[in-house]
Amino acid sequence: MEEQEIIKDETKQVRIGFSHGDVNGIGYEVIIKTLMDKRIMDFITPIVFGLSKVASYHRKTVNAKDFNFNLIKRVDNANPRRPNIFNIDDREVKLDLGVSTSIAGEMSYLSLKAAV
């Protein structure tokens, strides 16, 4: 029996929204490590609803030098071959890893709200 080649139609790819969770938690680490496996782009167009500056900070903490997000201003502009990030807010957020803070809670809520 011959194996059939799967022909990928990027226009029909499912867009999946990721909430970043608590910016002081492990959300970005899990998201980045998951999206570093480029095979996932064969199945979905990932869009992280978060903060690009916070994502960059976490990218450095997990030493993901070859990983970058494609910053988008509209979900319709998501690149189906790259991990995308949509900024949910433009405020500067002070990170305090491992500590739950009110701003981290607010950003978590905004991320979830934007993803939904």
Protein backbone atom coordinates (compact mmCIF):
# COMPACT_ATOMS: atom_id res chain seq x y z
CA MET A 1 0.00 0.00 0.00
CA GLU A 2 1.36 3.40 -1.00
CA GLU A 3 1.55 6.20 1.51
CA GLN A 4 -0.44 9.22 0.46
CA GLU A 5 1.26 12.58 0.56
CA ILE A 6 -0.63 15.05 2.69
CA ILE A 7 -1.17 18.28 0.82
CA LYS A 8 -1.38 21.15 3.24
CA ASP A 9 -3.73 24.03 2.53
CA GLU A 10 -2.60 26.88 4.80
CA THR A 11 -5.76 28.85 4.09
CA LYS A 12 -7.77 26.16 5.89
CA GLN A 13 -5.39 25.79 8.80
CA VAL A 14 -7.02 26.20 12.18
CA ARG A 15 -5.93 29.23 14.18
CA ILE A 16 -5.35 28.33 17.82
CA GLY A 17 -5.23 31.07 20.44
CA PHE A 18 -2.96 30.63 23.45
CA SER A 19 -3.45 32.59 26.66
CA HIS A 20 -0.11 33.33 28.30
CA GLY A 21 -1.45 32.77 31.82
CA ASP A 22 0.38 34.44 34.69
CA VAL A 23 3.31 36.42 33.25
CA ASN A 24 5.32 35.48 36.35
CA GLY A 25 4.57 31.78 35.90
CA ILE A 26 5.63 29.04 33.48
CA GLY A 27 3.13 29.85 30.72
CA TYR A 28 5.61 31.41 28.32
CA GLU A 29 8.18 28.67 28.96
CA VAL A 30 5.64 25.99 28.04
CA ILE A 31 4.37 27.93 25.02
CA ILE A 32 7.85 28.68 23.67
CA LYS A 33 9.14 25.14 24.15
CA THR A 34 6.02 23.76 22.47
CA LEU A 35 6.18 26.13 19.52
CA MET A 36 9.91 25.55 19.00
CA ASP A 37 8.88 22.26 17.39
CA LYS A 38 8.10 23.54 13.89
CA ARG A 39 6.04 20.44 13.08
CA ILE A 40 3.14 22.01 14.96
CA MET A 41 2.84 24.58 12.13
CA ASP A 42 1.76 21.69 9.87
CA PHE A 43 -1.47 21.47 11.84
CA ILE A 44 -2.25 24.87 13.36
CA THR A 45 -1.54 28.57 13.11
CA PRO A 46 -0.59 29.48 16.70
CA ILE A 47 -1.46 32.91 18.04
CA VAL A 48 -0.33 33.86 21.55
CA PHE A 49 -2.41 36.58 23.15
CA GLY A 50 0.16 38.18 25.37
CA LEU A 51 2.91 40.75 25.62
CA SER A 52 5.80 40.66 23.15
CA LYS A 53 8.29 42.25 25.58
CA VAL A 54 7.40 39.73 28.28
CA ALA A 55 7.66 36.92 25.73
CA SER A 56 11.15 38.15 24.75
CA TYR A 57 12.23 38.15 28.38
CA HIS A 58 10.99 34.58 28.88
CA ARG A 59 12.59 33.50 25.58
CA LYS A 60 15.96 34.59 26.98
CA THR A 61 15.37 32.81 30.30
CA VAL A 62 14.79 29.49 28.49
CA ASN A 63 17.74 30.16 26.15
CA ALA A 64 15.63 29.87 22.99
CA LYS A 65 18.01 31.83 20.75
CA ASP A 66 16.58 30.51 17.47
CA PHE A 67 12.98 31.25 18.40
CA ASN A 68 11.03 34.41 17.60
CA PHE A 69 7.40 35.42 17.53
CA ASN A 70 5.82 37.13 14.54
CA LEU A 71 4.21 40.25 16.02
CA ILE A 72 0.75 40.87 14.56
CA LYS A 73 -1.70 43.73 15.00
CA ARG A 74 -4.67 41.76 13.63
CA VAL A 75 -5.46 38.07 13.95
CA ASP A 76 -6.14 37.98 10.20
CA ASN A 77 -2.46 38.78 9.63
CA ALA A 78 -1.19 35.67 11.41
CA ASN A 79 1.55 33.87 9.53
CA PRO A 80 0.62 30.17 9.20
CA ARG A 81 4.30 29.14 9.19
CA ARG A 82 5.40 31.03 12.32
CA PRO A 83 4.41 31.41 15.97
CA ASN A 84 2.45 34.66 16.19
CA ILE A 85 1.90 37.01 19.10
CA PHE A 86 -0.83 39.62 19.48
CA ASN A 87 -0.14 42.32 22.08
CA ILE A 88 -3.04 42.55 24.52
CA ASP A 89 -1.79 45.74 26.17
CA ASP A 90 0.93 48.31 25.65
CA ARG A 91 1.82 48.99 29.27
CA GLU A 92 5.22 48.08 30.69
CA VAL A 93 4.83 45.14 33.05
CA LYS A 94 7.28 44.54 35.88
CA LEU A 95 8.08 40.85 36.12
CA ASP A 96 8.66 39.10 39.43
CA LEU A 97 9.03 35.45 38.46
CA GLY A 98 7.35 33.02 40.80
CA VAL A 99 5.30 35.73 42.54
CA SER A 100 1.63 36.34 41.92
CA THR A 101 0.97 40.06 41.51
CA SER A 102 -2.11 42.12 40.73
CA ILE A 103 -0.72 43.28 37.35
CA ALA A 104 0.11 39.68 36.45
CA GLY A 105 -3.46 38.71 37.31
CA GLU A 106 -4.83 41.55 35.20
CA MET A 107 -2.65 40.55 32.23
CA SER A 108 -3.76 36.95 32.62
CA TYR A 109 -7.39 38.05 32.46
CA LEU A 110 -6.78 40.28 29.43
CA SER A 111 -4.98 37.45 27.65
CA LEU A 112 -7.79 35.00 28.22
CA LYS A 113 -10.41 37.59 27.23
CA ALA A 114 -8.55 38.41 23.98
CA ALA A 115 -8.04 34.73 23.12
CA VAL A 116 -11.73 33.98 23.57
